């Protein structure tokens, strides 16, 4: 439509007029813009994902365009590749059996895993450059197979390429399958600040292959249990009781119990993202970060020697002890939380908790300010009010935190 046609168009088809406001000295107009975008992605649980007879992967990729031939670039976490040296070949055989529907763009590539690798932007940009050379378009897929840190970094690359290509996550750790891999966040650390650079971009799909959990080292096997306790303490008393009863068997690697734990925990995370009204975290309250203000700082203080799940377990113990001192949990409820985490295999004290700066201030307490900055504006912390419910506060008493830390340290003492 040219300018004359637009001028002569019926009134109902013209653009809405701007609202004129202001004063004679400072006139201005405002065009108000508002729209809604629906996001929809499946989170699938399966086994033997790359068995050529398993249709889950091809059906998931083709769910929006079943008649297309889909181009896919695959990245594998270096730790996963070391634990499963045949994985690259299995991926290639799967695609060779599905050439009518799928095109594998080059052989699968490895990508660094772990928080240390997540602290560099260059590997992320390498994915973008490689994808441009290979001609990926916005309807191509990047399929990431790995732990939570690797999924975060590859997800950031996928979100930057052409302002967003289709990302399919295949989480390979308990923590990634029940928490980090099923949400909408992607990002990396920068200059000692955890998740300082990132975006919210929902994945095209998440596919959890339970077989990957079988070969996990013990640290990664139990790491995700902390996230299950986190969401159970503040949202689901029944799930909390299940975890406390199952904790010894989970520690001893009961696969059936772990499969149930992972799926129930993932479902609670998904329900929260779907129903809390703030999936992209524009507000200041982040209930799913219960126990995380100190956990993030503890990871940094240990130079990531302490894994995320173990740091979260420590953070849950600290904040639960604080809540008990404030009367928000009963002494018996705190003891149940503490004993459940211990029975799962978590240490609940680390020497890094005692680190102090030149003025004698605990370094761990600086995590409160970092958490406030990450949230934006006012400090907002989630605490349990009884098992299975929560509320938010805007102040944490350093003296009560100190008391809680001393109690946890005493409990961890050999005497």
Protein backbone atom coordinates (compact mmCIF):
# COMPACT_ATOMS: atom_id res chain seq x y z
CA UNK A 1 0.00 0.00 0.00
CA UNK A 2 1.55 3.36 -1.00
CA UNK A 3 1.13 6.61 0.92
CA UNK A 4 -1.95 7.75 -1.06
CA UNK A 5 -3.67 4.40 -0.64
CA UNK A 6 -2.98 4.48 3.09
CA UNK A 7 -4.46 7.96 3.39
CA UNK A 8 -7.63 6.79 1.59
CA UNK A 9 -7.92 3.51 3.49
CA UNK A 10 -11.00 2.92 5.64
CA UNK A 11 -10.55 4.14 9.21
CA UNK A 12 -10.67 0.65 10.70
CA UNK A 13 -7.60 -0.48 8.66
CA UNK A 14 -5.40 2.51 9.50
CA UNK A 15 -2.68 2.34 12.17
CA UNK A 16 -3.94 3.52 15.56
CA UNK A 17 -3.29 7.18 16.28
CA UNK A 18 -0.59 8.02 18.79
CA UNK A 19 -1.67 9.37 22.13
CA UNK A 20 -0.69 13.05 22.31
CA UNK A 21 0.25 14.33 25.72
CA UNK A 22 2.70 16.64 27.44
CA UNK A 23 2.65 20.40 27.69
CA UNK A 24 2.87 23.17 25.13
CA UNK A 25 6.54 23.59 25.98
CA UNK A 26 7.34 19.87 25.87
CA UNK A 27 4.88 18.07 23.58
CA UNK A 28 5.39 14.36 22.92
CA UNK A 29 3.48 11.39 21.63
CA UNK A 30 3.38 7.80 22.84
CA UNK A 31 2.75 4.72 20.70
CA UNK A 32 1.91 1.94 23.12
CA UNK A 33 3.04 -1.51 22.05
CA UNK A 34 1.92 -4.76 23.61
CA UNK A 35 1.82 -8.31 22.32
CA UNK A 36 2.01 -11.84 23.61
CA UNK A 37 4.07 -14.75 22.31
CA UNK A 38 3.20 -18.35 23.11
CA UNK A 39 6.02 -20.77 23.87
CA UNK A 40 5.51 -24.50 23.75
CA UNK A 41 8.18 -27.18 24.09
CA UNK A 42 8.09 -30.84 25.10
CA UNK A 43 10.24 -32.36 27.85
CA UNK A 44 10.58 -36.02 26.96
CA UNK A 45 11.86 -38.91 29.11
CA UNK A 46 13.19 -41.97 27.30
CA UNK A 47 16.01 -44.51 27.11
CA UNK A 48 18.44 -45.39 24.30
CA UNK A 49 17.74 -42.14 22.50
CA UNK A 50 20.20 -42.87 19.68
CA UNK A 51 19.04 -46.41 18.98
CA UNK A 52 17.95 -46.19 15.31
CA UNK A 53 14.69 -47.91 16.23
CA UNK A 54 13.80 -45.27 18.82
CA UNK A 55 11.57 -42.65 17.08
CA UNK A 56 11.70 -40.06 19.89
CA UNK A 57 14.42 -37.83 18.42
CA UNK A 58 13.14 -37.73 14.84
CA UNK A 59 9.54 -37.25 15.97
CA UNK A 60 10.56 -34.45 18.32
CA UNK A 61 12.53 -32.59 15.66
CA UNK A 62 9.75 -32.99 13.11
CA UNK A 63 6.85 -32.01 15.37
CA UNK A 64 6.23 -28.66 13.61
CA UNK A 65 7.12 -29.72 10.07
CA UNK A 66 6.74 -33.49 9.67
CA UNK A 67 7.43 -33.48 5.93
CA UNK A 68 10.69 -31.49 6.02
CA UNK A 69 14.25 -32.79 6.08
CA UNK A 70 15.78 -31.25 9.19
CA UNK A 71 19.41 -30.08 9.38
CA UNK A 72 21.10 -30.71 12.73
CA UNK A 73 24.48 -29.74 14.19
CA UNK A 74 25.45 -31.85 17.24
CA UNK A 75 27.70 -30.87 20.14
CA UNK A 76 28.79 -33.29 22.88
CA UNK A 77 30.14 -32.32 26.30
CA UNK A 78 33.81 -33.39 26.50
CA UNK A 79 33.14 -35.17 29.80
CA UNK A 80 30.24 -37.08 28.26
CA UNK A 81 32.35 -37.99 25.22
CA UNK A 82 35.06 -39.37 27.53
CA UNK A 83 32.54 -41.44 29.51
CA UNK A 84 30.79 -42.64 26.32
CA UNK A 85 33.50 -42.92 23.64
CA UNK A 86 31.08 -44.59 21.25
CA UNK A 87 28.48 -41.82 21.49
CA UNK A 88 29.59 -39.90 18.38
CA UNK A 89 29.37 -43.05 16.27
CA UNK A 90 25.93 -43.86 17.70
CA UNK A 91 24.71 -40.39 16.77
CA UNK A 92 26.02 -40.78 13.22
CA UNK A 93 24.40 -44.21 12.81
CA UNK A 94 21.07 -42.78 14.00
CA UNK A 95 21.17 -40.05 11.37
CA UNK A 96 22.31 -42.47 8.67
CA UNK A 97 19.22 -44.56 9.39
CA UNK A 98 16.97 -41.48 9.06
CA UNK A 99 18.35 -39.71 5.97
CA UNK A 100 14.86 -39.17 4.62
CA UNK A 101 14.03 -36.93 7.59
CA UNK A 102 17.36 -35.80 9.07
CA UNK A 103 20.65 -34.35 7.88
CA UNK A 104 23.62 -34.39 10.22
CA UNK A 105 25.73 -31.29 9.52
CA UNK A 106 29.26 -32.60 9.90
CA UNK A 107 30.40 -35.13 12.49
CA UNK A 108 29.44 -34.41 16.11
CA UNK A 109 31.78 -31.90 17.75
CA UNK A 110 32.88 -31.83 21.37
CA UNK A 111 32.42 -28.77 23.56
CA UNK A 112 34.00 -28.11 26.97
CA UNK A 113 31.90 -28.94 30.03
CA UNK A 114 31.92 -27.66 33.59
CA UNK A 115 31.73 -24.20 35.13
CA UNK A 116 35.32 -23.31 34.25
CA UNK A 117 34.58 -23.75 30.54
CA UNK A 118 31.39 -21.74 30.99
CA UNK A 119 33.49 -18.75 32.06
CA UNK A 120 34.80 -17.95 28.56
CA UNK A 121 32.92 -16.29 25.70
CA UNK A 122 35.25 -17.51 22.93
CA UNK A 123 33.93 -21.12 22.76
CA UNK A 124 30.42 -19.69 22.41
CA UNK A 125 31.47 -17.49 19.50
CA UNK A 126 33.29 -20.45 17.91
CA UNK A 127 29.92 -22.22 17.63
CA UNK A 128 28.40 -19.15 15.99
CA UNK A 129 31.26 -18.86 13.48
CA UNK A 130 31.19 -22.58 12.67
CA UNK A 131 27.42 -22.49 12.19
CA UNK A 132 27.64 -19.56 9.81
CA UNK A 133 30.32 -21.35 7.75
CA UNK A 134 28.09 -24.41 7.52
CA UNK A 135 25.03 -22.46 6.48
CA UNK A 136 22.73 -23.07 9.42
CA UNK A 137 19.51 -21.10 9.15
CA UNK A 138 16.94 -20.17 11.76
CA UNK A 139 15.05 -23.41 11.13
CA UNK A 140 18.15 -25.55 11.59
CA UNK A 141 18.80 -27.31 14.89
CA UNK A 142 21.65 -27.24 17.37
CA UNK A 143 21.48 -30.38 19.47
CA UNK A 144 23.50 -30.16 22.72
CA UNK A 145 24.33 -33.31 24.69
CA UNK A 146 25.85 -32.60 28.08
CA UNK A 147 25.69 -31.27 31.62
CA UNK A 148 24.07 -28.07 32.77
CA UNK A 149 27.05 -25.75 32.29
CA UNK A 150 27.64 -26.99 28.75
CA UNK A 151 23.93 -26.67 27.92
CA UNK A 152 23.95 -23.08 29.22
CA UNK A 153 26.89 -22.10 27.02
CA UNK A 154 25.72 -23.87 23.85
CA UNK A 155 22.24 -22.48 24.46
CA UNK A 156 23.70 -18.98 24.52
CA UNK A 157 25.39 -19.64 21.16
CA UNK A 158 22.11 -20.91 19.70
CA UNK A 159 20.29 -17.81 20.91
CA UNK A 160 22.87 -15.48 19.34
CA UNK A 161 23.03 -17.21 15.95
CA UNK A 162 20.59 -15.46 13.61
CA UNK A 163 18.97 -14.11 16.81
CA UNK A 164 17.86 -17.62 17.67
CA UNK A 165 18.06 -21.05 16.06
CA UNK A 166 16.25 -24.13 17.32
CA UNK A 167 17.95 -25.61 20.38
CA UNK A 168 17.37 -29.20 21.48
CA UNK A 169 18.87 -30.10 24.84
CA UNK A 170 19.86 -33.65 25.78
CA UNK A 171 20.85 -33.29 29.46
CA UNK A 172 23.20 -35.97 30.78
CA UNK A 173 23.40 -35.33 34.54
CA UNK A 174 20.79 -35.56 37.28
CA UNK A 175 20.99 -31.81 37.89
CA UNK A 176 20.62 -31.02 34.19
CA UNK A 177 17.72 -33.43 33.69
CA UNK A 178 15.69 -32.29 36.68
CA UNK A 179 16.53 -28.56 36.74
CA UNK A 180 19.11 -26.74 34.60
CA UNK A 181 18.22 -28.42 31.31
CA UNK A 182 14.43 -28.04 31.40
CA UNK A 183 14.09 -24.27 31.90
CA UNK A 184 14.44 -21.22 29.67
CA UNK A 185 17.80 -19.75 30.76
CA UNK A 186 21.08 -19.75 28.81
CA UNK A 187 24.29 -18.00 29.76
CA UNK A 188 27.89 -17.94 30.92
CA UNK A 189 29.88 -16.53 33.83
CA UNK A 190 32.01 -13.41 33.45
CA UNK A 191 34.67 -11.82 35.66
CA UNK A 192 33.75 -13.98 38.63
CA UNK A 193 30.02 -13.27 38.36
CA UNK A 194 27.91 -16.37 37.84
CA UNK A 195 25.53 -16.21 34.86
CA UNK A 196 26.45 -12.58 34.25
CA UNK A 197 25.90 -12.85 30.48
CA UNK A 198 22.88 -14.63 29.09
CA UNK A 199 19.39 -14.63 27.63
CA UNK A 200 16.02 -16.21 28.18
CA UNK A 201 15.25 -18.41 25.18
CA UNK A 202 13.07 -21.50 25.57
CA UNK A 203 14.45 -24.62 23.88
CA UNK A 204 12.71 -26.25 20.96
CA UNK A 205 12.67 -29.44 23.05
CA UNK A 206 14.35 -31.25 25.94
CA UNK A 207 14.99 -34.98 25.71
CA UNK A 208 16.14 -36.79 28.84
CA UNK A 209 17.81 -40.14 28.19
CA UNK A 210 17.97 -41.95 31.53
CA UNK A 211 20.79 -44.19 30.30
CA UNK A 212 23.25 -41.30 30.58
CA UNK A 213 22.83 -41.25 34.35
CA UNK A 214 24.16 -44.77 34.77
CA UNK A 215 27.82 -43.88 34.19
CA UNK A 216 27.88 -40.66 36.23
CA UNK A 217 30.55 -40.30 38.91
CA UNK A 218 29.11 -40.25 42.43
CA UNK A 219 29.45 -36.47 42.74
CA UNK A 220 27.29 -35.86 39.67
CA UNK A 221 24.89 -38.66 40.59
CA UNK A 222 23.89 -36.97 43.85
CA UNK A 223 24.36 -33.35 42.69
CA UNK A 224 20.85 -32.97 41.32
CA UNK A 225 19.25 -34.35 44.48
CA UNK A 226 19.88 -30.95 46.10
CA UNK A 227 17.69 -29.26 43.49
CA UNK A 228 14.97 -31.82 44.20
CA UNK A 229 15.13 -31.00 47.91
CA UNK A 230 15.04 -27.29 47.05
CA UNK A 231 11.81 -27.40 45.11
CA UNK A 232 10.21 -29.93 47.49
CA UNK A 233 10.93 -27.85 50.61
CA UNK A 234 9.15 -24.79 49.21
CA UNK A 235 6.47 -26.39 47.00
CA UNK A 236 5.62 -30.04 47.74
CA UNK A 237 5.60 -31.63 51.20
CA UNK A 238 4.73 -35.05 49.77
CA UNK A 239 7.76 -34.99 47.47
CA UNK A 240 9.89 -33.86 50.42
CA UNK A 241 8.80 -36.89 52.47
CA UNK A 242 9.57 -39.12 49.47
CA UNK A 243 13.09 -37.68 49.19
CA UNK A 244 13.85 -38.10 52.88
CA UNK A 245 12.74 -41.72 52.79
CA UNK A 246 14.57 -42.41 49.52
CA UNK A 247 17.79 -40.56 50.40
CA UNK A 248 19.92 -43.57 51.47
CA UNK A 249 18.85 -45.59 48.41
CA UNK A 250 19.44 -42.62 46.11
CA UNK A 251 22.94 -42.29 47.54
CA UNK A 252 23.51 -45.97 46.77
CA UNK A 253 22.47 -45.37 43.14
CA UNK A 254 18.99 -46.90 43.01
CA UNK A 255 18.16 -46.21 39.35
CA UNK A 256 14.40 -46.60 39.63
CA UNK A 257 14.17 -44.17 42.53
CA UNK A 258 16.42 -41.72 40.73
CA UNK A 259 14.26 -41.88 37.60
CA UNK A 260 11.21 -41.02 39.71
CA UNK A 261 13.10 -38.25 41.52
CA UNK A 262 14.27 -36.66 38.28
CA UNK A 263 10.88 -36.68 36.61
CA UNK A 264 8.96 -35.41 39.65
CA UNK A 265 11.50 -32.64 40.21
CA UNK A 266 11.48 -31.62 36.54
CA UNK A 267 7.68 -31.52 36.56
CA UNK A 268 7.69 -29.16 39.57
CA UNK A 269 10.18 -26.85 37.88
CA UNK A 270 8.13 -26.82 34.69
CA UNK A 271 4.92 -26.15 36.59
CA UNK A 272 6.52 -23.18 38.33
CA UNK A 273 7.87 -21.69 35.10
CA UNK A 274 4.49 -22.20 33.43
CA UNK A 275 2.23 -20.86 36.19
CA UNK A 276 4.10 -18.28 38.26
CA UNK A 277 3.49 -15.46 35.79
CA UNK A 278 7.16 -14.53 35.43
CA UNK A 279 8.94 -17.09 33.23
CA UNK A 280 11.59 -14.60 32.09
CA UNK A 281 12.20 -13.31 35.63
CA UNK A 282 11.31 -9.67 35.12
CA UNK A 283 10.29 -9.44 38.77
CA UNK A 284 12.49 -9.57 41.83
CA UNK A 285 11.37 -12.82 43.42
CA UNK A 286 12.92 -16.04 42.18
CA UNK A 287 11.58 -18.89 44.31
CA UNK A 288 13.58 -21.49 42.41
CA UNK A 289 16.72 -19.76 43.67
CA UNK A 290 15.98 -20.72 47.28
CA UNK A 291 19.34 -21.50 48.88
CA UNK A 292 21.27 -20.10 45.92
CA UNK A 293 22.57 -16.74 47.20
CA UNK A 294 25.29 -18.48 49.22
CA UNK A 295 25.62 -21.40 46.80
CA UNK A 296 26.68 -19.17 43.92
CA UNK A 297 29.22 -17.40 46.12
CA UNK A 298 30.55 -20.69 47.48
CA UNK A 299 31.14 -21.99 43.95
CA UNK A 300 33.12 -18.87 43.10
CA UNK A 301 35.13 -18.92 46.36
CA UNK A 302 36.14 -22.51 45.64
CA UNK A 303 37.04 -21.69 42.02
CA UNK A 304 34.29 -24.19 41.13
CA UNK A 305 35.94 -27.05 43.02
CA UNK A 306 32.58 -27.34 44.74
CA UNK A 307 29.96 -28.36 42.20
CA UNK A 308 26.67 -26.52 41.86
CA UNK A 309 24.56 -29.25 43.45
CA UNK A 310 26.83 -29.58 46.45
CA UNK A 311 26.92 -25.80 46.89
CA UNK A 312 23.11 -25.69 46.72
CA UNK A 313 22.88 -28.39 49.40
CA UNK A 314 25.03 -26.23 51.65
CA UNK A 315 22.88 -23.19 50.80
CA UNK A 316 19.68 -25.08 51.62
CA UNK A 317 21.08 -26.12 54.99
CA UNK A 318 22.15 -22.55 55.76
CA UNK A 319 18.86 -20.91 54.76
CA UNK A 320 16.81 -23.60 56.47
CA UNK A 321 18.80 -23.10 59.68
CA UNK A 322 18.22 -19.36 59.36
CA UNK A 323 14.49 -20.00 58.84
CA UNK A 324 14.36 -22.17 61.96
CA UNK A 325 16.04 -19.48 64.05
CA UNK A 326 13.44 -17.01 62.75
CA UNK A 327 10.56 -19.34 63.61
CA UNK A 328 9.56 -20.03 60.01
CA UNK A 329 10.50 -23.71 60.35
CA UNK A 330 10.14 -25.77 63.49
CA UNK A 331 13.31 -27.29 64.97
CA UNK A 332 12.05 -30.73 63.93
CA UNK A 333 11.46 -29.58 60.34
CA UNK A 334 14.99 -28.22 60.12
CA UNK A 335 16.46 -31.44 61.49
CA UNK A 336 14.52 -33.42 58.87
CA UNK A 337 15.92 -31.21 56.09
CA UNK A 338 19.46 -31.43 57.46
CA UNK A 339 19.33 -35.20 57.93
CA UNK A 340 17.78 -35.73 54.48
CA UNK A 341 20.59 -33.81 52.80
CA UNK A 342 23.22 -35.63 54.84
CA UNK A 343 21.66 -39.01 54.05
CA UNK A 344 21.83 -38.15 50.36
CA UNK A 345 25.61 -37.83 50.66
CA UNK A 346 26.16 -34.07 50.86
CA UNK A 347 28.80 -32.45 53.05
CA UNK A 348 27.15 -29.44 54.66
CA UNK A 349 30.24 -27.47 55.57
CA UNK A 350 33.24 -26.27 53.54
CA UNK A 351 36.39 -24.37 54.59
CA UNK A 352 35.51 -21.66 52.05
CA UNK A 353 32.66 -20.61 54.35
CA UNK A 354 35.27 -19.26 56.77
CA UNK A 355 37.15 -17.07 54.27
CA UNK A 356 37.28 -13.40 55.30
CA UNK A 357 38.47 -10.19 53.68
CA UNK A 358 41.04 -7.80 55.13
CA UNK A 359 38.36 -6.13 57.25
CA UNK A 360 37.30 -9.47 58.75
CA UNK A 361 34.01 -9.76 56.86
CA UNK A 362 32.98 -13.20 55.70
CA UNK A 363 33.39 -13.42 51.95
CA UNK A 364 30.29 -15.61 51.80
CA UNK A 365 28.11 -12.72 53.01
CA UNK A 366 29.06 -10.75 49.90
CA UNK A 367 26.90 -13.21 48.03
CA UNK A 368 23.85 -11.30 49.29
CA UNK A 369 24.84 -8.15 47.41
CA UNK A 370 25.75 -10.10 44.27
CA UNK A 371 22.36 -11.81 44.48
CA UNK A 372 20.59 -8.45 44.86
CA UNK A 373 22.37 -7.08 41.78
CA UNK A 374 21.52 -10.18 39.77
CA UNK A 375 17.85 -9.88 40.70
CA UNK A 376 17.72 -6.13 40.18
CA UNK A 377 16.96 -3.48 42.76
CA UNK A 378 15.65 -4.75 46.07
CA UNK A 379 17.08 -7.87 47.72
CA UNK A 380 14.46 -10.63 47.65
CA UNK A 381 15.12 -13.99 49.27
CA UNK A 382 12.81 -17.00 49.32
CA UNK A 383 12.47 -18.95 52.56
CA UNK A 384 10.27 -21.87 53.57
CA UNK A 385 7.36 -21.25 55.89
CA UNK A 386 6.82 -24.81 56.97
CA UNK A 387 7.57 -27.68 54.61
CA UNK A 388 5.88 -27.29 51.24
CA UNK A 389 5.25 -23.54 51.28
CA UNK A 390 7.31 -20.38 50.93
CA UNK A 391 7.40 -16.62 51.26
CA UNK A 392 9.80 -13.82 50.39
CA UNK A 393 11.74 -11.40 52.59
CA UNK A 394 13.79 -8.33 51.69
CA UNK A 395 16.34 -8.40 54.47
CA UNK A 396 18.70 -11.00 55.89
CA UNK A 397 20.13 -10.45 59.38
CA UNK A 398 23.93 -10.98 59.22
CA UNK A 399 23.98 -11.88 62.92
CA UNK A 400 21.47 -14.69 62.40
CA UNK A 401 23.37 -15.90 59.32
CA UNK A 402 26.53 -15.96 61.43
CA UNK A 403 24.74 -17.98 64.09
CA UNK A 404 23.49 -20.43 61.46
CA UNK A 405 26.98 -20.82 59.97
CA UNK A 406 28.51 -21.51 63.38
CA UNK A 407 25.88 -24.17 64.03
CA UNK A 408 26.55 -25.91 60.71
CA UNK A 409 30.29 -25.79 61.32
CA UNK A 410 29.87 -27.30 64.77
CA UNK A 411 27.69 -30.08 63.38
CA UNK A 412 30.40 -30.89 60.81
CA UNK A 413 33.15 -31.04 63.46
CA UNK A 414 34.57 -34.55 64.03
CA UNK A 415 33.87 -34.16 67.74
